[in-house]
């Protein structure tokens, strides 16, 4: 049996053009290398799974002219995990290695991952070498928590801030991989995986591998992703909103009961419904429509439903949902709190009529 290679490793970028969602970083690094203006101490900051270590390895290979599979890579590129090697002795051993010039290529590159985990004593031992390294040494420090890196280290590094990767960028990358692997994948399923990954491509690839394994490598469907990741289907939110538009709380309350019987948490429901209402609001203006991170088919549903509700009504619903979210943890009867929120939403128009006003502020005073 052939050994399985996870997608995060199999499709790790080999060049800057393959890095997803970090154009501001890759362009700067490429120009610095091409113009021979690369700093000797770099600090890569950002969330997990966005390409920090990948970019560090690409830099190390490019400045030495190595190919991806070159055996001399290991002689010039040193990786240290500061989470488990964070003592003064570990840093002193690294400094001792720095004294010797490279046997192959032009540079020795030291990649220190999770550098914020170094002890203060280790940081201090590292300062002098980091400020005045030998001409052949390049230090690339990576961290998910820049605020924990001491200022004296920050001041000696050129800092690169990596972004969370956009849902659309992750979704496109997953589509490319699915096509290469000849896996039939629904766009809605890939979009849902991208949303669940929360800006981390590595997490998205891990979820994608899980979904492919579940389907025996044949296809990735929206239904399977919903089931395996325990995510509530968009359709429930559309149905709840439709029920509220009839000014009758019966359908929304029955839908909530159905959702709870499926094992979903009432808090997750109200948070998800708040996001739904937010999407309805932004879809009412063509200029803010792009703020919705949803598949094209779902986008059309939002545009249709948004026509049936006024901005004042949606704002009032959103205010009620937000108050429910804030009070949820402190509530003794949490289900009743969510049910009460739905009943308030269903009677918002009645509150408008009794006040002779359509302002969200009037509703806020009445329903709270």
Protein backbone atom coordinates (compact mmCIF):
# COMPACT_ATOMS: atom_id res chain seq x y z
CA UNK A 1 0.00 0.00 0.00
CA UNK A 2 1.38 3.40 -1.01
CA UNK A 3 1.84 5.83 1.85
CA UNK A 4 -0.72 8.64 1.90
CA UNK A 5 0.56 12.22 1.71
CA UNK A 6 -1.79 14.85 3.10
CA UNK A 7 -2.74 17.66 0.70
CA UNK A 8 -1.08 20.31 2.87
CA UNK A 9 2.28 18.62 2.16
CA UNK A 10 1.58 17.32 -1.33
CA UNK A 11 0.54 20.76 -2.59
CA UNK A 12 2.88 22.91 -0.52
CA UNK A 13 3.91 25.83 -2.78
CA UNK A 14 7.33 25.51 -4.40
CA UNK A 15 7.50 29.12 -5.57
CA UNK A 16 6.06 32.52 -4.71
CA UNK A 17 3.59 32.32 -7.61
CA UNK A 18 1.91 29.34 -5.92
CA UNK A 19 1.43 31.01 -2.53
CA UNK A 20 -2.26 31.79 -1.95
CA UNK A 21 -3.56 35.12 -0.68
CA UNK A 22 -0.25 36.77 0.33
CA UNK A 23 0.62 38.83 -2.75
CA UNK A 24 1.85 41.78 -0.68
CA UNK A 25 4.41 39.50 0.99
CA UNK A 26 5.53 37.45 -2.00
CA UNK A 27 5.95 40.51 -4.25
CA UNK A 28 8.12 42.28 -1.66
CA UNK A 29 10.28 39.22 -1.01
CA UNK A 30 10.72 38.47 -4.71
CA UNK A 31 11.76 42.05 -5.45
CA UNK A 32 14.15 42.06 -2.49
CA UNK A 33 15.83 38.86 -3.74
CA UNK A 34 15.97 40.03 -7.38
CA UNK A 35 17.52 43.37 -6.37
CA UNK A 36 19.84 41.85 -3.76
CA UNK A 37 18.21 43.87 -0.98
CA UNK A 38 17.02 41.10 1.30
CA UNK A 39 17.46 41.88 5.01
CA UNK A 40 19.40 39.36 7.09
CA UNK A 41 16.74 39.18 9.82
CA UNK A 42 13.10 38.71 8.83
CA UNK A 43 10.08 38.25 11.08
CA UNK A 44 7.01 36.56 9.57
CA UNK A 45 3.87 37.18 11.64
CA UNK A 46 0.31 35.98 11.18
CA UNK A 47 -2.30 33.33 12.00
CA UNK A 48 -1.61 29.62 11.67
CA UNK A 49 -1.70 27.93 8.29
CA UNK A 50 -1.30 31.03 6.10
CA UNK A 51 2.14 30.31 4.59
CA UNK A 52 4.79 31.69 6.95
CA UNK A 53 7.06 28.62 7.03
CA UNK A 54 6.36 27.91 3.37
CA UNK A 55 7.54 31.39 2.35
CA UNK A 56 10.60 31.04 4.57
CA UNK A 57 11.59 27.82 2.77
CA UNK A 58 10.99 29.41 -0.63
CA UNK A 59 13.25 32.34 0.33
CA UNK A 60 15.94 29.93 1.51
CA UNK A 61 15.91 28.02 -1.78
CA UNK A 62 15.71 31.08 -4.03
CA UNK A 63 18.66 32.94 -2.54
CA UNK A 64 20.80 29.80 -2.93
CA UNK A 65 19.42 28.80 -6.32
CA UNK A 66 18.42 25.36 -5.04
CA UNK A 67 15.75 23.15 -6.57
CA UNK A 68 13.01 21.77 -4.31
CA UNK A 69 14.53 18.27 -4.16
CA UNK A 70 18.19 19.32 -3.93
CA UNK A 71 20.06 17.35 -1.28
CA UNK A 72 22.17 20.41 -0.42
CA UNK A 73 19.02 22.01 1.02
CA UNK A 74 19.59 20.27 4.34
CA UNK A 75 23.13 21.62 4.57
CA UNK A 76 22.07 25.22 4.13
CA UNK A 77 18.60 25.39 5.67
CA UNK A 78 18.21 24.86 9.40
CA UNK A 79 14.79 24.76 11.04
CA UNK A 80 14.33 25.14 14.78
CA UNK A 81 11.05 24.73 16.62
CA UNK A 82 11.23 27.28 19.43
CA UNK A 83 8.22 25.70 21.15
CA UNK A 84 10.38 22.74 22.19
CA UNK A 85 13.87 24.28 21.86
CA UNK A 86 13.49 27.52 23.81
CA UNK A 87 16.39 27.54 26.24
CA UNK A 88 19.61 29.54 26.27
CA UNK A 89 21.57 26.39 25.43
CA UNK A 90 19.49 25.81 22.29
CA UNK A 91 20.22 29.33 21.06
CA UNK A 92 23.92 29.05 21.93
CA UNK A 93 24.14 25.85 19.89
CA UNK A 94 22.54 27.69 16.98
CA UNK A 95 25.00 30.61 17.36
CA UNK A 96 27.90 28.14 17.32
CA UNK A 97 26.65 26.76 13.98
CA UNK A 98 26.40 30.28 12.52
CA UNK A 99 30.17 30.73 12.82
CA UNK A 100 30.84 28.28 9.99
CA UNK A 101 30.22 29.44 6.39
CA UNK A 102 28.07 27.29 4.06
CA UNK A 103 29.68 24.36 2.24
CA UNK A 104 27.31 24.75 -0.70
CA UNK A 105 25.55 27.81 -2.07
CA UNK A 106 25.91 31.36 -0.79
CA UNK A 107 23.78 31.49 2.35
CA UNK A 108 22.92 29.55 5.48
CA UNK A 109 19.29 30.16 6.39
CA UNK A 110 17.97 29.67 9.91
CA UNK A 111 14.19 29.34 10.21
CA UNK A 112 12.97 29.61 13.81
CA UNK A 113 9.30 28.71 14.11
CA UNK A 114 7.08 29.96 16.99
CA UNK A 115 9.88 32.29 18.03
CA UNK A 116 7.69 33.93 20.69
CA UNK A 117 8.14 30.75 22.77
CA UNK A 118 11.82 31.53 23.43
CA UNK A 119 12.63 32.43 27.03
CA UNK A 120 13.81 35.96 27.83
CA UNK A 121 17.29 34.64 28.48
CA UNK A 122 17.30 32.93 25.06
CA UNK A 123 16.10 36.13 23.38
CA UNK A 124 18.90 38.11 25.04
CA UNK A 125 21.51 35.53 24.01
CA UNK A 126 20.27 35.87 20.43
CA UNK A 127 20.36 39.67 20.22
CA UNK A 128 23.99 40.29 19.21
CA UNK A 129 24.03 37.62 16.51
CA UNK A 130 20.71 38.83 15.13
CA UNK A 131 21.93 42.43 14.94
CA UNK A 132 25.32 41.68 13.36
CA UNK A 133 25.11 38.29 11.63
CA UNK A 134 27.85 37.02 9.28
CA UNK A 135 27.31 38.04 5.65
CA UNK A 136 26.30 34.50 4.71
CA UNK A 137 23.62 34.08 7.44
CA UNK A 138 19.92 34.84 7.04
CA UNK A 139 17.51 34.51 9.99
CA UNK A 140 13.79 34.05 9.35
CA UNK A 141 11.68 34.09 12.50
CA UNK A 142 8.03 33.01 12.38
CA UNK A 143 5.36 33.62 15.00
CA UNK A 144 1.61 33.58 15.48
CA UNK A 145 1.89 36.01 18.42
CA UNK A 146 4.03 39.00 17.52
CA UNK A 147 3.06 40.85 20.72
CA UNK A 148 4.99 38.24 22.73
CA UNK A 149 8.27 38.92 20.91
CA UNK A 150 10.41 41.36 22.91
CA UNK A 151 10.87 44.86 21.37
CA UNK A 152 14.64 44.48 21.09
CA UNK A 153 14.12 41.54 18.72
CA UNK A 154 11.39 43.33 16.74
CA UNK A 155 13.64 46.35 16.20
CA UNK A 156 16.33 44.16 14.61
CA UNK A 157 13.99 42.49 12.10
CA UNK A 158 12.22 43.42 8.90
CA UNK A 159 8.60 42.57 9.74
CA UNK A 160 6.14 40.92 7.33
CA UNK A 161 2.52 40.64 8.45
CA UNK A 162 0.67 37.75 6.81
CA UNK A 163 -3.10 38.04 6.34
CA UNK A 164 -5.85 35.54 6.97
CA UNK A 165 -6.60 34.06 3.56
CA UNK A 166 -9.91 35.11 2.01
CA UNK A 167 -12.68 32.50 1.76
CA UNK A 168 -12.83 32.97 -2.02
CA UNK A 169 -9.07 32.37 -2.39
CA UNK A 170 -9.19 29.20 -0.29
CA UNK A 171 -12.22 27.95 -2.21
CA UNK A 172 -10.45 28.47 -5.56
CA UNK A 173 -7.35 26.63 -4.33
CA UNK A 174 -9.46 23.70 -3.13
CA UNK A 175 -11.15 23.60 -6.55
CA UNK A 176 -7.75 23.40 -8.28
CA UNK A 177 -6.66 20.53 -6.05
CA UNK A 178 -9.96 18.69 -6.53
CA UNK A 179 -9.56 18.99 -10.31
CA UNK A 180 -5.97 17.68 -10.14
CA UNK A 181 -7.05 14.72 -8.03
CA UNK A 182 -10.05 14.12 -10.33
CA UNK A 183 -12.46 14.49 -7.42
CA UNK A 184 -15.94 15.79 -8.12
CA UNK A 185 -16.51 18.61 -5.63
CA UNK A 186 -19.53 20.88 -5.33
CA UNK A 187 -18.70 24.60 -5.20
CA UNK A 188 -20.97 25.07 -2.16
CA UNK A 189 -19.11 22.29 -0.34
CA UNK A 190 -15.69 23.83 -1.01
CA UNK A 191 -16.96 27.25 0.05
CA UNK A 192 -18.25 25.80 3.32
CA UNK A 193 -14.89 24.15 3.98
CA UNK A 194 -13.15 27.47 3.28
CA UNK A 195 -15.43 29.25 5.74
CA UNK A 196 -14.84 26.63 8.43
CA UNK A 197 -11.05 26.99 8.03
CA UNK A 198 -11.22 30.58 9.32
CA UNK A 199 -8.52 31.96 7.02
CA UNK A 200 -6.07 29.06 7.34
CA UNK A 201 -5.39 27.18 4.10
CA UNK A 202 -3.71 24.32 5.95
CA UNK A 203 -6.86 23.76 8.01
CA UNK A 204 -8.96 23.87 4.85
CA UNK A 205 -6.79 21.21 3.21
CA UNK A 206 -7.06 18.98 6.29
CA UNK A 207 -10.86 19.25 6.21
CA UNK A 208 -10.84 18.60 2.46
CA UNK A 209 -8.80 15.40 2.99
CA UNK A 210 -11.30 14.31 5.64
CA UNK A 211 -14.25 14.85 3.30
CA UNK A 212 -12.51 12.97 0.46
CA UNK A 213 -11.82 10.04 2.79
CA UNK A 214 -15.47 10.02 3.91
CA UNK A 215 -16.64 9.70 0.29
CA UNK A 216 -13.99 7.04 -0.54
CA UNK A 217 -12.23 9.51 -2.83
CA UNK A 218 -15.12 9.95 -5.25
CA UNK A 219 -16.78 13.28 -4.50
CA UNK A 220 -17.25 16.05 -1.95
CA UNK A 221 -20.86 17.16 -1.55
CA UNK A 222 -22.44 20.04 0.32
CA UNK A 223 -24.65 17.61 2.24
CA UNK A 224 -21.70 15.52 3.43
CA UNK A 225 -19.76 18.59 4.55
CA UNK A 226 -22.75 19.86 6.53
CA UNK A 227 -23.13 16.47 8.21
CA UNK A 228 -19.47 15.85 9.03
CA UNK A 229 -18.63 19.36 10.22
CA UNK A 230 -21.95 19.68 12.09
CA UNK A 231 -22.85 22.95 10.39
CA UNK A 232 -26.40 24.23 10.11
CA UNK A 233 -27.69 24.46 6.55
CA UNK A 234 -28.23 27.96 5.13
CA UNK A 235 -31.78 26.95 4.22
CA UNK A 236 -32.86 26.92 7.87
CA UNK A 237 -31.99 30.59 8.22
CA UNK A 238 -33.89 31.45 5.04
CA UNK A 239 -36.93 29.53 6.31
CA UNK A 240 -36.81 31.24 9.72
CA UNK A 241 -36.61 34.67 8.06
CA UNK A 242 -39.52 33.79 5.75
CA UNK A 243 -41.57 32.79 8.78
CA UNK A 244 -40.77 36.03 10.60
CA UNK A 245 -41.83 38.04 7.54
CA UNK A 246 -45.35 36.57 7.93
CA UNK A 247 -45.43 38.14 11.43
CA UNK A 248 -46.25 34.74 12.93
CA UNK A 249 -43.70 33.12 15.28
CA UNK A 250 -45.11 29.59 14.84
CA UNK A 251 -42.90 28.48 11.92
CA UNK A 252 -39.66 29.95 13.39
CA UNK A 253 -40.35 28.27 16.76
CA UNK A 254 -41.01 24.90 15.10
CA UNK A 255 -37.84 25.26 13.01
CA UNK A 256 -35.85 26.06 16.15
CA UNK A 257 -37.24 22.91 17.78
CA UNK A 258 -36.21 20.86 14.74
CA UNK A 259 -32.72 22.37 14.82
CA UNK A 260 -32.29 21.57 18.52
CA UNK A 261 -33.49 17.99 18.01
CA UNK A 262 -30.72 17.55 15.43
CA UNK A 263 -28.19 18.29 18.15
CA UNK A 264 -27.33 21.89 17.27
CA UNK A 265 -26.73 24.43 20.02
CA UNK A 266 -29.26 27.28 20.38
CA UNK A 267 -26.42 29.77 20.81
CA UNK A 268 -24.85 28.70 17.53
CA UNK A 269 -28.26 29.14 15.89
CA UNK A 270 -28.73 32.72 17.08
CA UNK A 271 -25.14 33.63 16.12
CA UNK A 272 -25.64 32.09 12.67
CA UNK A 273 -28.98 33.85 12.23
CA UNK A 274 -27.33 37.16 13.14
CA UNK A 275 -24.84 36.56 10.33
CA UNK A 276 -27.76 35.78 8.02
CA UNK A 277 -29.47 39.08 8.89
CA UNK A 278 -26.21 40.93 8.35
CA UNK A 279 -25.90 39.37 4.90
CA UNK A 280 -29.47 40.44 4.07
CA UNK A 281 -28.62 44.01 5.05
CA UNK A 282 -25.44 44.26 2.99
CA UNK A 283 -27.13 42.63 0.00
CA UNK A 284 -29.60 45.52 -0.21
CA UNK A 285 -26.93 47.81 -1.65
CA UNK A 286 -24.89 46.87 -4.73
CA UNK A 287 -21.84 48.59 -3.22
CA UNK A 288 -21.80 46.34 -0.13
CA UNK A 289 -23.00 43.17 -1.80
CA UNK A 290 -19.42 41.92 -2.14
CA UNK A 291 -19.11 41.85 1.66
CA UNK A 292 -21.08 38.60 1.64
CA UNK A 293 -18.74 35.61 1.67
CA UNK A 294 -21.21 33.11 0.23
CA UNK A 295 -21.42 30.95 -2.95
CA UNK A 296 -23.05 32.51 -6.01
CA UNK A 297 -26.17 30.32 -5.74
CA UNK A 298 -26.68 31.36 -2.12
CA UNK A 299 -26.00 35.00 -3.00
CA UNK A 300 -29.04 34.98 -5.30
CA UNK A 301 -31.20 33.68 -2.44
CA UNK A 302 -30.06 36.55 -0.25
CA UNK A 303 -30.82 39.10 -2.96
CA UNK A 304 -34.35 37.68 -3.35
CA UNK A 305 -35.14 37.56 0.36
CA UNK A 306 -33.67 41.02 0.99
CA UNK A 307 -36.33 42.52 -1.30
CA UNK A 308 -39.07 41.46 1.14
CA UNK A 309 -37.66 43.27 4.20
CA UNK A 310 -36.93 46.93 4.87
CA UNK A 311 -33.56 48.00 6.30
CA UNK A 312 -35.31 49.21 9.48
CA UNK A 313 -36.92 45.82 9.99
CA UNK A 314 -33.63 43.96 9.46
CA UNK A 315 -31.79 46.32 11.81
CA UNK A 316 -34.42 45.71 14.49
CA UNK A 317 -34.16 41.94 14.07
CA UNK A 318 -30.37 42.17 14.18
CA UNK A 319 -30.51 44.22 17.38
CA UNK A 320 -32.78 41.63 19.04
CA UNK A 321 -30.52 38.77 17.91
CA UNK A 322 -27.44 40.61 19.19
CA UNK A 323 -29.03 41.18 22.61
CA UNK A 324 -29.92 37.49 22.74
CA UNK A 325 -26.32 36.57 21.94
CA UNK A 326 -24.98 38.88 24.68
CA UNK A 327 -27.39 37.55 27.33
CA UNK A 328 -27.21 33.86 26.37
CA UNK A 329 -24.53 32.65 28.79
CA UNK A 330 -26.13 34.36 31.78
CA UNK A 331 -29.65 33.07 31.04
CA UNK A 332 -31.15 30.34 33.27
CA UNK A 333 -33.46 29.12 30.49
CA UNK A 334 -31.41 29.58 27.34
CA UNK A 335 -33.91 27.98 24.98
CA UNK A 336 -36.64 30.32 26.20
CA UNK A 337 -34.32 33.29 25.63
CA UNK A 338 -33.87 32.34 21.95
CA UNK A 339 -37.58 31.61 21.54
CA UNK A 340 -38.43 34.98 23.08
CA UNK A 341 -36.07 36.67 20.62
CA UNK A 342 -37.84 35.02 17.68
CA UNK A 343 -41.25 36.06 19.04
CA UNK A 344 -40.05 39.66 19.43
CA UNK A 345 -38.82 39.65 15.83
CA UNK A 346 -42.16 38.33 14.58
CA UNK A 347 -43.98 41.26 16.25
CA UNK A 348 -41.63 44.06 15.24
CA UNK A 349 -44.06 45.45 12.65
CA UNK A 350 -46.80 45.56 15.30
CA UNK A 351 -44.47 47.64 17.46
CA UNK A 352 -43.86 49.94 14.49
CA UNK A 353 -47.60 50.47 14.07
CA UNK A 354 -48.31 51.13 17.74
CA UNK A 355 -45.53 53.73 17.86
CA UNK A 356 -46.39 55.28 14.53
CA UNK A 357 -42.69 55.05 13.68
CA UNK A 358 -40.42 52.84 11.64
CA UNK A 359 -37.23 53.67 13.45
CA UNK A 360 -35.07 50.86 14.80
CA UNK A 361 -34.56 52.90 17.97
CA UNK A 362 -38.28 52.85 18.79
CA UNK A 363 -38.32 49.11 18.37
CA UNK A 364 -35.24 48.73 20.55
CA UNK A 365 -37.03 50.49 23.42
CA UNK A 366 -40.15 48.36 23.05
CA UNK A 367 -38.61 44.90 22.69
CA UNK A 368 -35.85 45.12 25.35
